[in-house]
Amino acid sequence: MQTGFTTTILAAGEAAVRVAARCLQDGGLVAFPTETVYGLGADATNPGAIARLYQAKGRPAFNPLISHVSDLAAARAIGRFDAAAEALAKAFWPGPLTLVLPRAEACKVAELATAGLETIAIRVPSHDLARAILREFAGPVVAPSANLSGHVSPTTAAHVQSDLAGRIDLIIDGGAVEVGVESTIVGCFDAPMLLRPGGLPREKIERVLGRTLIQPPVDAEADSAQPLAPGMLASHYAPHTRVRLDAERVEAGEALLAFGPVPVAAESAAAVMNLSARGDLNEAAANLFGYLRELDAKKARAIAVMPIPSHGLGEAINDRLRRAAVKREESGTGMTGTGE
């Protein structure tokens, strides 16, 4: 990957939207905010641009990408909707929901973006700036999180710059994102399947469907397998510092990622950041990746994470933390999931 060239950073605005769309049309890579995290955009129909995106992120090419479009009509041009998919799209788009559907016969999205699968992941984001760029570009844009592959996802333009400056063409700074974790991914197969928990809680999806979402096969999340959707690799969203889950106490030299009341014993922690002092899962999701990055910069012996409830957005938060911890567990660091 060629690095060392200047990455342009522009503040959000009409001029930035035009520059971003033109850059995408020219095969460039553009980072921009969505309501979930910052995405790294490339023309979904341009294999050369997509290959460059994989290189910039260091992302394995067997890991499929989400195609972002401006509205449901544009989504129907690239994916085949059944009744469940139509119901979910009408209920939650634009918003933090990705649908994995059979490719439409006339789909122009490059096979490199779908990793050779017969399905395609599609989302209509709700962020005003993202939608303006998509409308101006007038085509599907693949936009995985704008960070180095496997690292903590970016929720500000500064996070993007830290990971990708000199690797991509343009960053549009639209401020901090609102949701803070990636979209929920639902596979619309014979029975709707929850492929990745995210910014839309499963309970809301199941109410619209009138049925329980099924879980993916156990082997679908193995790093050696081809994922059914983005974000399913076992090791993902990881800071450099090892992560210790469900911590009941803080060990010497550890930083603490808290949720709710902080234990008195935390006074000896190398650093403390509280996802939500009042125990609000929406606030915790919005803070998750930013706080992980800040604690990672403290270079503590480990990041101890207090238990977080698994209902609502807590399911997505715990999913990201579990994947952040896997790499450290498998590297022989001795971390456990119990805080011991």
Protein backbone atom coordinates (compact mmCIF):
# COMPACT_ATOMS: atom_id res chain seq x y z
CA MET A 1 0.00 0.00 0.00
CA GLN A 2 1.42 3.35 -1.01
CA THR A 3 1.55 5.70 1.95
CA GLY A 4 3.03 9.07 2.69
CA PHE A 5 0.80 11.23 0.49
CA THR A 6 -1.36 13.94 2.01
CA THR A 7 -4.83 13.04 3.21
CA THR A 8 -7.13 16.05 2.84
CA ILE A 9 -9.47 16.85 5.76
CA LEU A 10 -12.58 18.95 5.10
CA ALA A 11 -15.25 20.24 7.46
CA ALA A 12 -18.79 19.10 6.69
CA GLY A 13 -20.75 21.29 4.27
CA GLU A 14 -22.13 21.45 0.75
CA ALA A 15 -18.68 21.96 -0.78
CA ALA A 16 -17.33 18.94 1.11
CA VAL A 17 -20.21 16.81 -0.17
CA ARG A 18 -19.37 17.72 -3.77
CA VAL A 19 -15.66 17.07 -3.27
CA ALA A 20 -16.40 13.70 -1.62
CA ALA A 21 -18.68 12.58 -4.44
CA ARG A 22 -16.17 13.62 -7.07
CA CYS A 23 -13.38 11.78 -5.24
CA LEU A 24 -15.49 8.61 -5.14
CA GLN A 25 -16.26 8.94 -8.85
CA ASP A 26 -12.51 9.17 -9.52
CA GLY A 27 -11.85 5.92 -7.64
CA GLY A 28 -10.71 7.59 -4.42
CA LEU A 29 -11.23 6.63 -0.78
CA VAL A 30 -13.32 8.96 1.40
CA ALA A 31 -13.94 8.69 5.14
CA PHE A 32 -17.22 10.20 6.32
CA PRO A 33 -19.47 9.96 9.36
CA THR A 34 -22.57 7.82 9.57
CA GLU A 35 -24.83 7.67 12.61
CA THR A 36 -23.01 4.50 13.77
CA VAL A 37 -19.25 5.01 13.16
CA TYR A 38 -17.11 6.72 10.51
CA GLY A 39 -17.07 4.73 7.27
CA LEU A 40 -14.38 4.46 4.61
CA GLY A 41 -16.17 4.87 1.30
CA ALA A 42 -15.30 3.59 -2.16
CA ASP A 43 -17.33 3.19 -5.35
CA ALA A 44 -19.03 -0.20 -4.90
CA THR A 45 -18.95 -0.84 -8.66
CA ASN A 46 -15.21 -0.14 -9.06
CA PRO A 47 -13.04 -3.22 -8.33
CA GLY A 48 -9.86 -1.13 -8.38
CA ALA A 49 -11.17 1.27 -5.74
CA ILE A 50 -12.39 -1.64 -3.60
CA ALA A 51 -9.01 -3.38 -3.83
CA ARG A 52 -7.36 -0.16 -2.71
CA LEU A 53 -9.79 0.05 0.22
CA TYR A 54 -8.87 -3.49 1.34
CA GLN A 55 -5.20 -2.47 1.16
CA ALA A 56 -5.69 0.77 3.07
CA LYS A 57 -7.45 -1.03 5.93
CA GLY A 58 -5.33 -4.20 5.79
CA ARG A 59 -8.67 -6.01 5.57
CA PRO A 60 -8.86 -9.63 4.33
CA ALA A 61 -10.58 -9.82 0.95
CA PHE A 62 -12.75 -12.75 2.09
CA ASN A 63 -14.53 -10.37 4.52
CA PRO A 64 -17.52 -8.86 2.64
CA LEU A 65 -18.41 -5.17 2.65
CA ILE A 66 -21.69 -3.32 3.22
CA SER A 67 -23.05 -1.34 0.26
CA HIS A 68 -24.55 1.97 1.39
CA VAL A 69 -27.31 3.53 -0.70
CA SER A 70 -29.44 6.65 -0.41
CA ASP A 71 -32.91 5.06 -0.21
CA LEU A 72 -35.00 1.91 -0.51
CA ALA A 73 -35.43 2.30 -4.28
CA ALA A 74 -31.64 2.24 -4.72
CA ALA A 75 -31.44 -0.80 -2.44
CA ARG A 76 -33.96 -2.70 -4.57
CA ALA A 77 -31.66 -2.20 -7.58
CA ILE A 78 -28.93 -4.32 -5.98
CA GLY A 79 -30.78 -6.76 -3.67
CA ARG A 80 -33.86 -8.98 -3.79
CA PHE A 81 -36.34 -8.20 -1.00
CA ASP A 82 -38.72 -10.75 0.47
CA ALA A 83 -41.62 -9.79 2.76
CA ALA A 84 -39.47 -9.78 5.91
CA ALA A 85 -36.81 -7.60 4.29
CA GLU A 86 -39.43 -5.15 3.03
CA ALA A 87 -40.97 -4.89 6.48
CA LEU A 88 -37.63 -4.25 8.16
CA ALA A 89 -36.49 -1.73 5.54
CA LYS A 90 -39.72 0.25 5.83
CA ALA A 91 -39.58 0.18 9.63
CA PHE A 92 -35.92 1.02 10.21
CA TRP A 93 -34.40 2.69 7.12
CA PRO A 94 -32.77 5.09 7.14
CA GLY A 95 -31.02 3.84 10.26
CA PRO A 96 -28.48 1.47 11.86
CA LEU A 97 -29.73 -1.73 10.21
CA THR A 98 -27.96 -3.73 7.49
CA LEU A 99 -29.85 -6.39 5.53
CA VAL A 100 -28.10 -9.32 3.86
CA LEU A 101 -30.14 -10.28 0.80
CA PRO A 102 -29.76 -12.30 -2.41
CA ARG A 103 -28.06 -10.19 -5.10
CA ALA A 104 -30.40 -8.73 -7.69
CA GLU A 105 -29.81 -9.98 -11.23
CA ALA A 106 -28.93 -6.47 -12.42
CA CYS A 107 -26.71 -5.72 -9.38
CA LYS A 108 -23.66 -3.72 -10.47
CA VAL A 109 -21.77 -4.03 -7.19
CA ALA A 110 -18.39 -5.64 -7.83
CA GLU A 111 -17.99 -9.26 -6.69
CA LEU A 112 -14.86 -8.20 -4.79
CA ALA A 113 -17.14 -6.22 -2.46
CA THR A 114 -19.33 -9.24 -1.75
CA ALA A 115 -16.36 -11.61 -1.40
CA GLY A 116 -17.84 -13.82 -4.11
CA LEU A 117 -21.01 -14.55 -2.13
CA GLU A 118 -24.43 -14.78 -3.79
CA THR A 119 -25.72 -12.34 -1.17
CA ILE A 120 -25.17 -8.62 -0.65
CA ALA A 121 -25.18 -6.52 2.54
CA ILE A 122 -27.11 -3.25 2.15
CA ARG A 123 -27.76 -0.26 4.41
CA VAL A 124 -29.42 3.15 4.15
CA PRO A 125 -27.70 5.35 6.77
CA SER A 126 -29.60 8.11 8.56
CA HIS A 127 -26.74 10.59 9.01
CA ASP A 128 -27.53 13.72 6.97
CA LEU A 129 -23.97 14.10 5.67
CA ALA A 130 -23.69 10.44 4.64
CA ARG A 131 -27.01 10.62 2.81
CA ALA A 132 -26.03 13.84 1.06
CA ILE A 133 -22.81 12.23 -0.21
CA LEU A 134 -24.71 9.15 -1.40
CA ARG A 135 -27.29 11.29 -3.23
CA GLU A 136 -24.57 13.40 -4.86
CA PHE A 137 -22.59 10.31 -5.87
CA ALA A 138 -25.78 8.59 -7.13
CA GLY A 139 -24.59 5.02 -6.70
CA PRO A 140 -23.78 2.37 -4.07
CA VAL A 141 -20.77 3.04 -1.84
CA VAL A 142 -19.04 0.35 0.20
CA ALA A 143 -18.09 1.84 3.56
CA PRO A 144 -16.58 -0.38 6.25
CA SER A 145 -15.39 1.33 9.42
CA ALA A 146 -12.61 3.83 8.67
CA ASN A 147 -9.84 2.23 10.71
CA LEU A 148 -7.09 -0.34 10.30
CA SER A 149 -8.63 -3.80 10.11
CA GLY A 150 -9.31 -5.34 13.50
CA HIS A 151 -8.61 -2.10 15.39
CA VAL A 152 -11.13 -0.09 17.41
CA SER A 153 -13.75 1.53 15.15
CA PRO A 154 -13.61 5.34 14.76
CA THR A 155 -16.27 7.64 16.16
CA THR A 156 -14.52 10.94 15.33
CA ALA A 157 -12.51 12.26 12.39
CA ALA A 158 -9.44 12.35 14.65
CA HIS A 159 -9.71 8.57 15.13
CA VAL A 160 -9.76 8.13 11.34
CA GLN A 161 -6.75 10.39 10.92
CA SER A 162 -4.83 8.45 13.57
CA ASP A 163 -5.29 5.15 11.70
CA LEU A 164 -5.46 6.08 8.03
CA ALA A 165 -3.70 9.41 7.36
CA GLY A 166 -1.47 8.91 4.33
CA ARG A 167 -3.47 5.86 3.23
CA ILE A 168 -6.69 7.46 1.99
CA ASP A 169 -7.59 10.54 -0.04
CA LEU A 170 -10.14 12.45 2.00
CA ILE A 171 -11.68 12.72 5.46
CA ILE A 172 -14.94 14.64 5.94
CA ASP A 173 -15.15 15.84 9.54
CA GLY A 174 -18.76 15.78 10.68
CA GLY A 175 -18.08 15.69 14.41
CA ALA A 176 -18.70 12.80 16.78
CA VAL A 177 -21.18 10.13 15.72
CA GLU A 178 -24.44 9.52 17.57
CA VAL A 179 -24.85 5.74 17.98
CA GLY A 180 -21.23 4.67 18.46
CA VAL A 181 -21.42 0.99 17.47
CA GLU A 182 -21.85 -0.47 14.01
CA SER A 183 -25.18 -1.37 12.44
CA THR A 184 -27.14 -4.47 13.37
CA ILE A 185 -26.94 -7.04 10.56
CA VAL A 186 -29.89 -9.31 9.76
CA GLY A 187 -29.70 -12.02 7.13
CA CYS A 188 -33.01 -12.36 5.30
CA PHE A 189 -32.74 -16.05 4.49
CA ASP A 190 -35.44 -18.74 4.91
CA ALA A 191 -35.74 -17.46 8.46
CA PRO A 192 -34.37 -14.03 9.47
CA MET A 193 -31.01 -14.45 11.22
CA LEU A 194 -29.14 -12.07 13.55
CA LEU A 195 -25.66 -12.02 12.03
CA ARG A 196 -24.29 -9.16 14.15
CA PRO A 197 -25.88 -7.23 17.02
CA GLY A 198 -25.47 -3.48 16.66
CA GLY A 199 -27.06 -0.07 16.92
CA LEU A 200 -30.62 -1.36 16.51
CA PRO A 201 -31.63 -3.67 19.41
CA ARG A 202 -32.89 -7.12 18.47
CA GLU A 203 -36.06 -6.59 20.49
CA LYS A 204 -37.24 -3.87 18.10
CA ILE A 205 -36.53 -6.04 15.06
CA GLU A 206 -38.35 -9.03 16.52
CA ARG A 207 -41.41 -6.90 17.28
CA VAL A 208 -41.68 -5.90 13.61
CA LEU A 209 -41.10 -9.47 12.39
CA GLY A 210 -43.39 -11.05 14.96
CA ARG A 211 -40.83 -13.82 15.47
CA THR A 212 -37.49 -14.53 17.14
CA LEU A 213 -34.33 -13.98 15.12
CA ILE A 214 -32.36 -17.19 14.72
CA GLN A 215 -28.64 -17.33 15.50
CA PRO A 216 -25.93 -18.05 12.89
CA PRO A 217 -24.17 -21.43 12.85
CA VAL A 218 -21.39 -21.69 15.43
CA ASP A 219 -18.69 -22.14 12.77
CA ALA A 220 -19.81 -18.97 10.92
CA GLU A 221 -17.73 -16.89 13.34
CA ALA A 222 -14.46 -18.79 12.96
CA ASP A 223 -11.61 -16.64 11.66
CA SER A 224 -10.74 -19.38 9.16
CA ALA A 225 -14.22 -19.42 7.63
CA GLN A 226 -15.67 -17.01 5.11
CA PRO A 227 -17.96 -14.73 7.14
CA LEU A 228 -21.61 -14.42 6.15
CA ALA A 229 -21.45 -10.69 6.89
CA PRO A 230 -19.00 -7.98 8.02
CA GLY A 231 -17.91 -7.85 11.66
CA MET A 232 -18.23 -11.59 12.27
CA LEU A 233 -14.53 -12.45 12.60
CA ALA A 234 -13.83 -13.79 16.08
CA SER A 235 -11.05 -11.25 16.70
CA HIS A 236 -12.12 -7.71 15.89
CA TYR A 237 -12.51 -4.16 17.30
CA ALA A 238 -9.34 -4.69 19.36
CA PRO A 239 -7.12 -2.13 21.10
CA HIS A 240 -3.42 -2.94 21.45
CA THR A 241 -3.84 -3.33 25.21
CA ARG A 242 -5.34 -6.64 26.28
CA VAL A 243 -8.93 -6.56 27.48
CA ARG A 244 -10.24 -8.37 30.57
CA LEU A 245 -14.01 -8.82 30.66
CA ASP A 246 -16.53 -8.89 33.53
CA ALA A 247 -13.91 -7.59 35.96
CA GLU A 248 -14.98 -7.53 39.58
CA ARG A 249 -11.82 -5.80 40.73
CA VAL A 250 -8.95 -3.81 39.25
CA GLU A 251 -5.52 -5.44 39.31
CA ALA A 252 -2.27 -3.51 39.71
CA GLY A 253 -1.33 -1.60 36.58
CA GLU A 254 -4.75 -1.97 34.92
CA ALA A 255 -7.02 0.72 33.52
CA LEU A 256 -10.76 0.46 34.21
CA LEU A 257 -13.60 0.75 31.73
CA ALA A 258 -16.52 1.22 34.07
CA PHE A 259 -20.30 1.09 33.75
CA GLY A 260 -22.51 2.50 36.48
CA PRO A 261 -21.13 3.19 39.99
CA VAL A 262 -17.35 2.87 40.11
CA PRO A 263 -16.05 0.61 42.91
CA VAL A 264 -13.95 2.27 45.60
CA ALA A 265 -11.10 -0.14 44.79
CA ALA A 266 -10.78 1.56 41.39
CA GLU A 267 -8.84 4.41 43.02
CA SER A 268 -5.64 2.45 42.33
CA ALA A 269 -6.40 2.03 38.61
CA ALA A 270 -3.94 3.44 36.07
CA ALA A 271 -6.89 5.28 34.51
CA VAL A 272 -10.68 5.18 34.79
CA MET A 273 -13.29 5.98 32.15
CA ASN A 274 -16.99 5.39 32.75
CA LEU A 275 -19.14 4.42 29.76
CA SER A 276 -22.18 5.70 31.65
CA ALA A 277 -22.18 6.63 35.31
CA ARG A 278 -25.99 6.42 35.33
CA GLY A 279 -26.04 3.00 33.64
CA ASP A 280 -27.51 4.22 30.33
CA LEU A 281 -26.77 1.71 27.53
CA ASN A 282 -27.32 4.28 24.77
CA GLU A 283 -24.71 6.56 26.34
CA ALA A 284 -22.39 3.59 26.85
CA ALA A 285 -22.60 2.57 23.19
CA ALA A 286 -21.82 6.10 22.05
CA ASN A 287 -18.74 6.22 24.30
CA LEU A 288 -17.44 2.66 23.81
CA PHE A 289 -14.92 2.95 20.97
CA GLY A 290 -13.69 6.41 21.91
CA TYR A 291 -13.03 5.35 25.51
CA LEU A 292 -11.29 2.14 24.40
CA ARG A 293 -8.96 4.24 22.25
CA GLU A 294 -8.25 6.65 25.11
CA LEU A 295 -7.51 3.86 27.58
CA ASP A 296 -5.37 2.09 24.99
CA ALA A 297 -3.21 5.22 24.79
CA LYS A 298 -2.54 4.97 28.56
CA LYS A 299 -0.45 1.83 27.88
CA ALA A 300 -1.75 0.11 30.99
CA ARG A 301 -1.07 -3.58 31.67
CA ALA A 302 -4.67 -4.36 30.70
CA ILE A 303 -8.11 -2.79 30.36
CA ALA A 304 -10.45 -4.26 32.94
CA VAL A 305 -14.10 -3.97 31.88
CA MET A 306 -16.93 -3.99 34.40
CA PRO A 307 -19.96 -6.22 33.65
CA ILE A 308 -22.50 -4.68 31.27
CA PRO A 309 -26.13 -5.88 30.94
CA SER A 310 -26.88 -7.79 27.73
CA HIS A 311 -30.34 -6.41 26.94
CA GLY A 312 -30.99 -3.70 24.34
CA LEU A 313 -27.78 -2.09 23.08
CA GLY A 314 -25.92 -4.03 25.75
CA GLU A 315 -25.93 -7.02 23.41
CA ALA A 316 -23.96 -5.07 20.80
CA ILE A 317 -21.61 -3.57 23.41
CA ASN A 318 -20.80 -7.01 24.83
CA ASP A 319 -20.36 -8.44 21.33
CA ARG A 320 -17.72 -5.79 20.51
CA LEU A 321 -15.95 -6.26 23.84
CA ARG A 322 -15.91 -10.04 23.44
CA ARG A 323 -14.32 -9.74 20.00
CA ALA A 324 -11.84 -7.15 21.31
CA ALA A 325 -10.77 -9.64 23.96
CA VAL A 326 -10.45 -12.76 21.80
CA LYS A 327 -7.09 -11.82 20.29
CA ARG A 328 -5.60 -11.33 23.73
CA GLU A 329 -7.01 -14.59 25.07
CA GLU A 330 -5.64 -16.59 22.16
CA SER A 331 -2.18 -15.00 22.38
CA GLY A 332 -1.54 -16.59 25.74
CA THR A 333 -1.86 -13.54 27.97
CA GLY A 334 -3.83 -15.47 30.54
CA MET A 335 -6.86 -13.19 30.51
CA THR A 336 -10.10 -14.72 31.67
CA GLY A 337 -13.70 -13.73 31.15
CA THR A 338 -14.52 -13.75 34.84
CA GLY A 339 -12.28 -10.99 36.12
CA GLU A 340 -10.09 -13.51 37.98
